[in-house]
PDB file of all heavy atoms in Angstrom:
ATOM      1  N   ARG A   1    -121.984 -17.925 -76.685  1.00  0.00           N
ATOM      2  CA  ARG A   1    -121.630 -18.307 -78.049  1.00  0.00           C
ATOM      3  C   ARG A   1    -121.043 -19.713 -78.083  1.00  0.00           C
ATOM      4  O   ARG A   1    -120.317 -20.064 -78.999  1.00  0.00           O
ATOM      5  CB  ARG A   1    -120.648 -17.294 -78.632  1.00  0.00           C
ATOM      6  CG  ARG A   1    -121.276 -15.933 -78.832  1.00  0.00           C
ATOM      7  CD  ARG A   1    -120.378 -15.027 -79.599  1.00  0.00           C
ATOM      8  NE  ARG A   1    -121.057 -13.760 -79.844  1.00  0.00           N
ATOM      9  CZ  ARG A   1    -120.456 -12.652 -80.164  1.00  0.00           C
ATOM     10  NH1 ARG A   1    -119.153 -12.621 -80.279  1.00  0.00           N
ATOM     11  NH2 ARG A   1    -121.139 -11.556 -80.379  1.00  0.00           N
ATOM     12  N   THR A   2    -121.359 -20.520 -77.067  1.00  0.00           N
ATOM     13  CA  THR A   2    -120.799 -21.865 -76.983  1.00  0.00           C
ATOM     14  C   THR A   2    -121.508 -22.848 -77.898  1.00  0.00           C
ATOM     15  O   THR A   2    -120.900 -23.810 -78.361  1.00  0.00           O
ATOM     16  CB  THR A   2    -120.896 -22.416 -75.547  1.00  0.00           C
ATOM     17  OG1 THR A   2    -122.272 -22.531 -75.193  1.00  0.00           O
ATOM     18  CG2 THR A   2    -120.164 -21.533 -74.565  1.00  0.00           C
ATOM     19  N   GLY A   3    -122.797 -22.638 -78.121  1.00  0.00           N
ATOM     20  CA  GLY A   3    -123.579 -23.601 -78.893  1.00  0.00           C
ATOM     21  C   GLY A   3    -123.978 -24.809 -78.063  1.00  0.00           C
ATOM     22  O   GLY A   3    -124.577 -25.753 -78.578  1.00  0.00           O
ATOM     23  N   ILE A   4    -123.639 -24.802 -76.772  1.00  0.00           N
ATOM     24  CA  ILE A   4    -123.969 -25.915 -75.887  1.00  0.00           C
ATOM     25  C   ILE A   4    -125.393 -25.719 -75.366  1.00  0.00           C
ATOM     26  O   ILE A   4    -125.738 -24.649 -74.896  1.00  0.00           O
ATOM     27  CB  ILE A   4    -122.984 -25.982 -74.701  1.00  0.00           C
ATOM     28  CG1 ILE A   4    -121.556 -26.183 -75.217  1.00  0.00           C
ATOM     29  CG2 ILE A   4    -123.369 -27.085 -73.737  1.00  0.00           C
ATOM     30  CD1 ILE A   4    -120.495 -26.045 -74.143  1.00  0.00           C
ATOM     31  N   VAL A   5    -126.210 -26.770 -75.472  1.00  0.00           N
ATOM     32  CA  VAL A   5    -127.583 -26.696 -74.990  1.00  0.00           C
ATOM     33  C   VAL A   5    -127.796 -27.732 -73.896  1.00  0.00           C
ATOM     34  O   VAL A   5    -127.024 -28.671 -73.756  1.00  0.00           O
ATOM     35  CB  VAL A   5    -128.608 -26.920 -76.132  1.00  0.00           C
ATOM     36  CG1 VAL A   5    -128.523 -25.805 -77.150  1.00  0.00           C
ATOM     37  CG2 VAL A   5    -128.391 -28.262 -76.792  1.00  0.00           C
ATOM     38  N   GLY A   6    -128.830 -27.544 -73.122  1.00  0.00           N
ATOM     39  CA  GLY A   6    -129.153 -28.493 -72.070  1.00  0.00           C
ATOM     40  C   GLY A   6    -129.090 -27.838 -70.710  1.00  0.00           C
ATOM     41  O   GLY A   6    -128.759 -26.671 -70.572  1.00  0.00           O
ATOM     42  N   SER A   7    -129.410 -28.616 -69.703  1.00  0.00           N
ATOM     43  CA  SER A   7    -129.380 -28.144 -68.323  1.00  0.00           C
ATOM     44  C   SER A   7    -128.148 -28.714 -67.620  1.00  0.00           C
ATOM     45  O   SER A   7    -127.759 -29.851 -67.874  1.00  0.00           O
ATOM     46  CB  SER A   7    -130.635 -28.592 -67.581  1.00  0.00           C
ATOM     47  OG  SER A   7    -131.780 -28.028 -68.177  1.00  0.00           O
ATOM     48  N   PHE A   8    -127.570 -27.919 -66.740  1.00  0.00           N
ATOM     49  CA  PHE A   8    -126.358 -28.327 -66.042  1.00  0.00           C
ATOM     50  C   PHE A   8    -126.449 -27.944 -64.577  1.00  0.00           C
ATOM     51  O   PHE A   8    -127.037 -26.934 -64.230  1.00  0.00           O
ATOM     52  CB  PHE A   8    -125.126 -27.632 -66.649  1.00  0.00           C
ATOM     53  CG  PHE A   8    -124.934 -27.912 -68.106  1.00  0.00           C
ATOM     54  CD1 PHE A   8    -125.509 -27.091 -69.063  1.00  0.00           C
ATOM     55  CD2 PHE A   8    -124.194 -29.003 -68.517  1.00  0.00           C
ATOM     56  CE1 PHE A   8    -125.340 -27.341 -70.405  1.00  0.00           C
ATOM     57  CE2 PHE A   8    -124.028 -29.267 -69.861  1.00  0.00           C
ATOM     58  CZ  PHE A   8    -124.596 -28.440 -70.814  1.00  0.00           C
ATOM     59  N   ASP A   9    -125.852 -28.750 -63.730  1.00  0.00           N
ATOM     60  CA  ASP A   9    -125.641 -28.399 -62.328  1.00  0.00           C
ATOM     61  C   ASP A   9    -124.190 -27.964 -62.238  1.00  0.00           C
ATOM     62  O   ASP A   9    -123.291 -28.685 -62.692  1.00  0.00           O
ATOM     63  CB  ASP A   9    -125.871 -29.610 -61.411  1.00  0.00           C
ATOM     64  CG  ASP A   9    -127.334 -29.989 -61.321  1.00  0.00           C
ATOM     65  OD1 ASP A   9    -128.175 -29.075 -61.374  1.00  0.00           O
ATOM     66  OD2 ASP A   9    -127.622 -31.186 -61.182  1.00  0.00           O
ATOM     67  N   TYR A  10    -123.964 -26.808 -61.671  1.00  0.00           N
ATOM     68  CA  TYR A  10    -122.593 -26.326 -61.544  1.00  0.00           C
ATOM     69  C   TYR A  10    -122.448 -25.524 -60.257  1.00  0.00           C
ATOM     70  O   TYR A  10    -123.410 -25.047 -59.691  1.00  0.00           O
ATOM     71  CB  TYR A  10    -122.188 -25.467 -62.744  1.00  0.00           C
ATOM     72  CG  TYR A  10    -122.985 -24.190 -62.881  1.00  0.00           C
ATOM     73  CD1 TYR A  10    -122.517 -23.006 -62.320  1.00  0.00           C
ATOM     74  CD2 TYR A  10    -124.203 -24.162 -63.551  1.00  0.00           C
ATOM     75  CE1 TYR A  10    -123.253 -21.832 -62.431  1.00  0.00           C
ATOM     76  CE2 TYR A  10    -124.933 -23.000 -63.660  1.00  0.00           C
ATOM     77  CZ  TYR A  10    -124.453 -21.838 -63.106  1.00  0.00           C
ATOM     78  OH  TYR A  10    -125.176 -20.682 -63.208  1.00  0.00           O
ATOM     79  N   ARG A  11    -121.222 -25.452 -59.815  1.00  0.00           N
ATOM     80  CA  ARG A  11    -120.890 -24.660 -58.635  1.00  0.00           C
ATOM     81  C   ARG A  11    -119.699 -23.805 -59.023  1.00  0.00           C
ATOM     82  O   ARG A  11    -118.689 -24.317 -59.513  1.00  0.00           O
ATOM     83  CB  ARG A  11    -120.540 -25.566 -57.465  1.00  0.00           C
ATOM     84  CG  ARG A  11    -120.192 -24.799 -56.226  1.00  0.00           C
ATOM     85  CD  ARG A  11    -119.800 -25.746 -55.108  1.00  0.00           C
ATOM     86  NE  ARG A  11    -119.352 -24.972 -53.974  1.00  0.00           N
ATOM     87  CZ  ARG A  11    -119.882 -25.040 -52.781  1.00  0.00           C
ATOM     88  NH1 ARG A  11    -120.889 -25.843 -52.552  1.00  0.00           N
ATOM     89  NH2 ARG A  11    -119.402 -24.320 -51.796  1.00  0.00           N
ATOM     90  N   LEU A  12    -119.811 -22.526 -58.787  1.00  0.00           N
ATOM     91  CA  LEU A  12    -118.761 -21.589 -59.152  1.00  0.00           C
ATOM     92  C   LEU A  12    -118.439 -20.736 -57.935  1.00  0.00           C
ATOM     93  O   LEU A  12    -119.323 -20.112 -57.362  1.00  0.00           O
ATOM     94  CB  LEU A  12    -119.240 -20.705 -60.317  1.00  0.00           C
ATOM     95  CG  LEU A  12    -118.231 -19.770 -60.952  1.00  0.00           C
ATOM     96  CD1 LEU A  12    -117.080 -20.553 -61.575  1.00  0.00           C
ATOM     97  CD2 LEU A  12    -118.911 -18.927 -62.020  1.00  0.00           C
ATOM     98  N   GLU A  13    -117.173 -20.734 -57.540  1.00  0.00           N
ATOM     99  CA  GLU A  13    -116.753 -19.949 -56.385  1.00  0.00           C
ATOM    100  C   GLU A  13    -115.755 -18.896 -56.836  1.00  0.00           C
ATOM    101  O   GLU A  13    -114.770 -19.216 -57.511  1.00  0.00           O
ATOM    102  CB  GLU A  13    -116.114 -20.857 -55.333  1.00  0.00           C
ATOM    103  CG  GLU A  13    -117.106 -21.841 -54.740  1.00  0.00           C
ATOM    104  CD  GLU A  13    -116.492 -22.733 -53.683  1.00  0.00           C
ATOM    105  OE1 GLU A  13    -115.332 -22.494 -53.287  1.00  0.00           O
ATOM    106  OE2 GLU A  13    -117.175 -23.661 -53.250  1.00  0.00           O
ATOM    107  N   TRP A  14    -116.015 -17.632 -56.447  1.00  0.00           N
ATOM    108  CA  TRP A  14    -115.144 -16.524 -56.790  1.00  0.00           C
ATOM    109  C   TRP A  14    -115.285 -15.432 -55.747  1.00  0.00           C
ATOM    110  O   TRP A  14    -116.169 -15.456 -54.915  1.00  0.00           O
ATOM    111  CB  TRP A  14    -115.472 -15.989 -58.178  1.00  0.00           C
ATOM    112  CG  TRP A  14    -116.706 -15.152 -58.220  1.00  0.00           C
ATOM    113  CD1 TRP A  14    -116.773 -13.792 -58.153  1.00  0.00           C
ATOM    114  CD2 TRP A  14    -118.065 -15.598 -58.312  1.00  0.00           C
ATOM    115  NE1 TRP A  14    -118.082 -13.367 -58.206  1.00  0.00           N
ATOM    116  CE2 TRP A  14    -118.896 -14.459 -58.295  1.00  0.00           C
ATOM    117  CE3 TRP A  14    -118.654 -16.852 -58.401  1.00  0.00           C
ATOM    118  CZ2 TRP A  14    -120.269 -14.535 -58.372  1.00  0.00           C
ATOM    119  CZ3 TRP A  14    -120.036 -16.917 -58.476  1.00  0.00           C
ATOM    120  CH2 TRP A  14    -120.814 -15.783 -58.467  1.00  0.00           C
ATOM    121  N   VAL A  15    -114.382 -14.467 -55.838  1.00  0.00           N
ATOM    122  CA  VAL A  15    -114.436 -13.305 -54.957  1.00  0.00           C
ATOM    123  C   VAL A  15    -114.989 -12.139 -55.778  1.00  0.00           C
ATOM    124  O   VAL A  15    -114.459 -11.828 -56.841  1.00  0.00           O
ATOM    125  CB  VAL A  15    -113.026 -12.955 -54.419  1.00  0.00           C
ATOM    126  CG1 VAL A  15    -113.052 -11.665 -53.636  1.00  0.00           C
ATOM    127  CG2 VAL A  15    -112.520 -14.085 -53.555  1.00  0.00           C
ATOM    128  N   PRO A  16    -116.051 -11.506 -55.313  1.00  0.00           N
ATOM    129  CA  PRO A  16    -116.633 -10.386 -56.053  1.00  0.00           C
ATOM    130  C   PRO A  16    -115.645  -9.221 -56.183  1.00  0.00           C
ATOM    131  O   PRO A  16    -114.831  -8.985 -55.300  1.00  0.00           O
ATOM    132  CB  PRO A  16    -117.838  -9.965 -55.216  1.00  0.00           C
ATOM    133  CG  PRO A  16    -118.047 -11.029 -54.212  1.00  0.00           C
ATOM    134  CD  PRO A  16    -116.775 -11.790 -54.079  1.00  0.00           C
ATOM    135  N   ASP A  17    -115.744  -8.524 -57.295  1.00  0.00           N
ATOM    136  CA  ASP A  17    -114.946  -7.315 -57.503  1.00  0.00           C
ATOM    137  C   ASP A  17    -115.526  -6.221 -56.616  1.00  0.00           C
ATOM    138  O   ASP A  17    -116.709  -5.908 -56.722  1.00  0.00           O
ATOM    139  CB  ASP A  17    -115.021  -6.909 -58.972  1.00  0.00           C
ATOM    140  CG  ASP A  17    -114.225  -5.666 -59.299  1.00  0.00           C
ATOM    141  OD1 ASP A  17    -113.604  -5.081 -58.385  1.00  0.00           O
ATOM    142  OD2 ASP A  17    -114.208  -5.281 -60.479  1.00  0.00           O
ATOM    143  N   PRO A  18    -114.709  -5.611 -55.743  1.00  0.00           N
ATOM    144  CA  PRO A  18    -115.228  -4.558 -54.859  1.00  0.00           C
ATOM    145  C   PRO A  18    -115.890  -3.412 -55.620  1.00  0.00           C
ATOM    146  O   PRO A  18    -116.814  -2.791 -55.117  1.00  0.00           O
ATOM    147  CB  PRO A  18    -113.990  -4.078 -54.110  1.00  0.00           C
ATOM    148  CG  PRO A  18    -113.039  -5.217 -54.162  1.00  0.00           C
ATOM    149  CD  PRO A  18    -113.314  -5.903 -55.474  1.00  0.00           C
ATOM    150  N   ALA A  19    -115.445  -3.149 -56.841  1.00  0.00           N
ATOM    151  CA  ALA A  19    -116.034  -2.060 -57.630  1.00  0.00           C
ATOM    152  C   ALA A  19    -117.487  -2.350 -57.985  1.00  0.00           C
ATOM    153  O   ALA A  19    -118.280  -1.432 -58.182  1.00  0.00           O
ATOM    154  CB  ALA A  19    -115.225  -1.835 -58.904  1.00  0.00           C
ATOM    155  N   ASN A  20    -117.849  -3.635 -58.070  1.00  0.00           N
ATOM    156  CA  ASN A  20    -119.218  -4.015 -58.420  1.00  0.00           C
ATOM    157  C   ASN A  20    -120.065  -4.352 -57.203  1.00  0.00           C
ATOM    158  O   ASN A  20    -121.217  -4.736 -57.336  1.00  0.00           O
ATOM    159  CB  ASN A  20    -119.205  -5.225 -59.367  1.00  0.00           C
ATOM    160  CG  ASN A  20    -118.630  -4.892 -60.710  1.00  0.00           C
ATOM    161  OD1 ASN A  20    -118.634  -3.752 -61.138  1.00  0.00           O
ATOM    162  ND2 ASN A  20    -118.108  -5.891 -61.382  1.00  0.00           N
ATOM    163  N   MET A  21    -119.493  -4.236 -56.002  1.00  0.00           N
ATOM    164  CA  MET A  21    -120.227  -4.568 -54.789  1.00  0.00           C
ATOM    165  C   MET A  21    -121.110  -3.400 -54.364  1.00  0.00           C
ATOM    166  O   MET A  21    -120.763  -2.240 -54.594  1.00  0.00           O
ATOM    167  CB  MET A  21    -119.253  -4.942 -53.670  1.00  0.00           C
ATOM    168  CG  MET A  21    -118.490  -6.224 -53.957  1.00  0.00           C
ATOM    169  SD  MET A  21    -117.237  -6.597 -52.738  1.00  0.00           S
ATOM    170  CE  MET A  21    -118.239  -7.192 -51.408  1.00  0.00           C
ATOM    171  N   PRO A  22    -122.247  -3.688 -53.753  1.00  0.00           N
ATOM    172  CA  PRO A  22    -123.137  -2.614 -53.315  1.00  0.00           C
ATOM    173  C   PRO A  22    -122.544  -1.844 -52.135  1.00  0.00           C
ATOM    174  O   PRO A  22    -121.698  -2.349 -51.406  1.00  0.00           O
ATOM    175  CB  PRO A  22    -124.404  -3.360 -52.888  1.00  0.00           C
ATOM    176  CG  PRO A  22    -123.936  -4.723 -52.537  1.00  0.00           C
ATOM    177  CD  PRO A  22    -122.763  -5.013 -53.430  1.00  0.00           C
ATOM    178  N   MET A  23    -123.006  -0.616 -51.981  1.00  0.00           N
ATOM    179  CA  MET A  23    -122.562   0.208 -50.865  1.00  0.00           C
ATOM    180  C   MET A  23    -123.208  -0.296 -49.576  1.00  0.00           C
ATOM    181  O   MET A  23    -124.363  -0.681 -49.564  1.00  0.00           O
ATOM    182  CB  MET A  23    -122.909   1.665 -51.107  1.00  0.00           C
ATOM    183  CG  MET A  23    -122.148   2.265 -52.263  1.00  0.00           C
ATOM    184  SD  MET A  23    -122.514   3.996 -52.515  1.00  0.00           S
ATOM    185  CE  MET A  23    -121.521   4.727 -51.252  1.00  0.00           C
ATOM    186  N   ILE A  24    -122.436  -0.298 -48.509  1.00  0.00           N
ATOM    187  CA  ILE A  24    -122.927  -0.680 -47.188  1.00  0.00           C
ATOM    188  C   ILE A  24    -122.644   0.479 -46.251  1.00  0.00           C
ATOM    189  O   ILE A  24    -121.490   0.892 -46.098  1.00  0.00           O
ATOM    190  CB  ILE A  24    -122.237  -1.963 -46.691  1.00  0.00           C
ATOM    191  CG1 ILE A  24    -122.512  -3.110 -47.667  1.00  0.00           C
ATOM    192  CG2 ILE A  24    -122.694  -2.307 -45.275  1.00  0.00           C
ATOM    193  CD1 ILE A  24    -121.725  -4.359 -47.383  1.00  0.00           C
ATOM    194  N   ASN A  25    -123.696   1.005 -45.647  1.00  0.00           N
ATOM    195  CA  ASN A  25    -123.564   2.175 -44.761  1.00  0.00           C
ATOM    196  C   ASN A  25    -122.862   3.337 -45.457  1.00  0.00           C
ATOM    197  O   ASN A  25    -122.007   3.999 -44.883  1.00  0.00           O
ATOM    198  CB  ASN A  25    -122.831   1.808 -43.465  1.00  0.00           C
ATOM    199  CG  ASN A  25    -123.620   0.829 -42.622  1.00  0.00           C
ATOM    200  OD1 ASN A  25    -124.841   0.846 -42.623  1.00  0.00           O
ATOM    201  ND2 ASN A  25    -122.929  -0.033 -41.914  1.00  0.00           N
ATOM    202  N   GLY A  26    -123.180   3.549 -46.724  1.00  0.00           N
ATOM    203  CA  GLY A  26    -122.647   4.689 -47.465  1.00  0.00           C
ATOM    204  C   GLY A  26    -121.240   4.505 -48.003  1.00  0.00           C
ATOM    205  O   GLY A  26    -120.658   5.435 -48.537  1.00  0.00           O
ATOM    206  N   ALA A  27    -120.654   3.313 -47.875  1.00  0.00           N
ATOM    207  CA  ALA A  27    -119.294   3.089 -48.369  1.00  0.00           C
ATOM    208  C   ALA A  27    -119.210   1.722 -49.034  1.00  0.00           C
ATOM    209  O   ALA A  27    -119.919   0.794 -48.676  1.00  0.00           O
ATOM    210  CB  ALA A  27    -118.292   3.171 -47.222  1.00  0.00           C
ATOM    211  N   LYS A  28    -118.314   1.625 -50.010  1.00  0.00           N
ATOM    212  CA  LYS A  28    -118.080   0.344 -50.669  1.00  0.00           C
ATOM    213  C   LYS A  28    -117.001  -0.415 -49.903  1.00  0.00           C
ATOM    214  O   LYS A  28    -116.061   0.170 -49.400  1.00  0.00           O
ATOM    215  CB  LYS A  28    -117.617   0.555 -52.110  1.00  0.00           C
ATOM    216  CG  LYS A  28    -118.730   0.990 -53.031  1.00  0.00           C
ATOM    217  CD  LYS A  28    -118.329   0.736 -54.460  1.00  0.00           C
ATOM    218  CE  LYS A  28    -119.474   1.092 -55.362  1.00  0.00           C
ATOM    219  NZ  LYS A  28    -120.071  -0.064 -55.969  1.00  0.00           N
ATOM    220  N   PRO A  29    -117.125  -1.748 -49.829  1.00  0.00           N
ATOM    221  CA  PRO A  29    -116.072  -2.534 -49.191  1.00  0.00           C
ATOM    222  C   PRO A  29    -114.774  -2.382 -49.969  1.00  0.00           C
ATOM    223  O   PRO A  29    -114.794  -2.252 -51.196  1.00  0.00           O
ATOM    224  CB  PRO A  29    -116.584  -3.970 -49.280  1.00  0.00           C
ATOM    225  CG  PRO A  29    -118.006  -3.876 -49.685  1.00  0.00           C
ATOM    226  CD  PRO A  29    -118.237  -2.537 -50.291  1.00  0.00           C
ATOM    227  N   ASP A  30    -113.629  -2.383 -49.282  1.00  0.00           N
ATOM    228  CA  ASP A  30    -112.362  -2.190 -49.982  1.00  0.00           C
ATOM    229  C   ASP A  30    -111.838  -3.461 -50.638  1.00  0.00           C
ATOM    230  O   ASP A  30    -110.991  -3.412 -51.506  1.00  0.00           O
ATOM    231  CB  ASP A  30    -111.307  -1.578 -49.066  1.00  0.00           C
ATOM    232  CG  ASP A  30    -110.857  -2.513 -47.963  1.00  0.00           C
ATOM    233  OD1 ASP A  30    -111.255  -3.690 -47.962  1.00  0.00           O
ATOM    234  OD2 ASP A  30    -110.090  -2.060 -47.093  1.00  0.00           O
ATOM    235  N   GLY A  31    -112.302  -4.618 -50.236  1.00  0.00           N
ATOM    236  CA  GLY A  31    -111.908  -5.862 -50.881  1.00  0.00           C
ATOM    237  C   GLY A  31    -110.540  -6.366 -50.483  1.00  0.00           C
ATOM    238  O   GLY A  31    -110.109  -7.419 -50.936  1.00  0.00           O
ATOM    239  N   SER A  32    -109.811  -5.642 -49.649  1.00  0.00           N
ATOM    240  CA  SER A  32    -108.456  -6.061 -49.291  1.00  0.00           C
ATOM    241  C   SER A  32    -108.440  -7.337 -48.462  1.00  0.00           C
ATOM    242  O   SER A  32    -107.437  -8.026 -48.417  1.00  0.00           O
ATOM    243  CB  SER A  32    -107.736  -4.936 -48.544  1.00  0.00           C
ATOM    244  OG  SER A  32    -108.410  -4.654 -47.333  1.00  0.00           O
ATOM    245  N   LYS A  33    -109.534  -7.672 -47.812  1.00  0.00           N
ATOM    246  CA  LYS A  33    -109.587  -8.874 -46.977  1.00  0.00           C
ATOM    247  C   LYS A  33    -110.172 -10.058 -47.734  1.00  0.00           C
ATOM    248  O   LYS A  33    -110.318 -11.131 -47.167  1.00  0.00           O
ATOM    249  CB  LYS A  33    -110.393  -8.587 -45.714  1.00  0.00           C
ATOM    250  CG  LYS A  33    -109.739  -7.541 -44.844  1.00  0.00           C
ATOM    251  CD  LYS A  33    -110.554  -7.246 -43.624  1.00  0.00           C
ATOM    252  CE  LYS A  33    -109.832  -6.167 -42.837  1.00  0.00           C
ATOM    253  NZ  LYS A  33    -110.681  -5.311 -42.106  1.00  0.00           N
ATOM    254  N   LEU A  34    -110.515  -9.862 -48.993  1.00  0.00           N
ATOM    255  CA  LEU A  34    -111.087 -10.934 -49.792  1.00  0.00           C
ATOM    256  C   LEU A  34    -109.964 -11.696 -50.495  1.00  0.00           C
ATOM    257  O   LEU A  34    -109.052 -11.101 -51.051  1.00  0.00           O
ATOM    258  CB  LEU A  34    -112.062 -10.366 -50.828  1.00  0.00           C
ATOM    259  CG  LEU A  34    -113.230  -9.574 -50.261  1.00  0.00           C
ATOM    260  CD1 LEU A  34    -114.056  -8.978 -51.382  1.00  0.00           C
ATOM    261  CD2 LEU A  34    -114.101 -10.444 -49.370  1.00  0.00           C
ATOM    262  N   ASP A  35    -110.019 -13.014 -50.453  1.00  0.00           N
ATOM    263  CA  ASP A  35    -108.981 -13.823 -51.056  1.00  0.00           C
ATOM    264  C   ASP A  35    -109.632 -14.901 -51.909  1.00  0.00           C
ATOM    265  O   ASP A  35    -110.468 -15.655 -51.426  1.00  0.00           O
ATOM    266  CB  ASP A  35    -108.116 -14.459 -49.959  1.00  0.00           C
ATOM    267  CG  ASP A  35    -106.917 -15.198 -50.527  1.00  0.00           C
ATOM    268  OD1 ASP A  35    -106.419 -14.792 -51.593  1.00  0.00           O
ATOM    269  OD2 ASP A  35    -106.497 -16.180 -49.901  1.00  0.00           O
ATOM    270  N   GLY A  36    -109.254 -14.962 -53.167  1.00  0.00           N
ATOM    271  CA  GLY A  36    -109.802 -15.981 -54.053  1.00  0.00           C
ATOM    272  C   GLY A  36    -109.733 -15.525 -55.495  1.00  0.00           C
ATOM    273  O   GLY A  36    -109.204 -14.460 -55.815  1.00  0.00           O
TER     274      GLY A  36
END
C-alpha cells in the first residue's frame, strides 16, 4: 500500500521465525541459537 513503483535493489537480513521454519529430520529448529 506504499504507492511506490519501480525496480529496486535491496538487501534484507533477518533471523527466520522458528515457527515458520521447515521441519528437519522430523523436528523444527528451536531457534535459540539464532541471533538477529
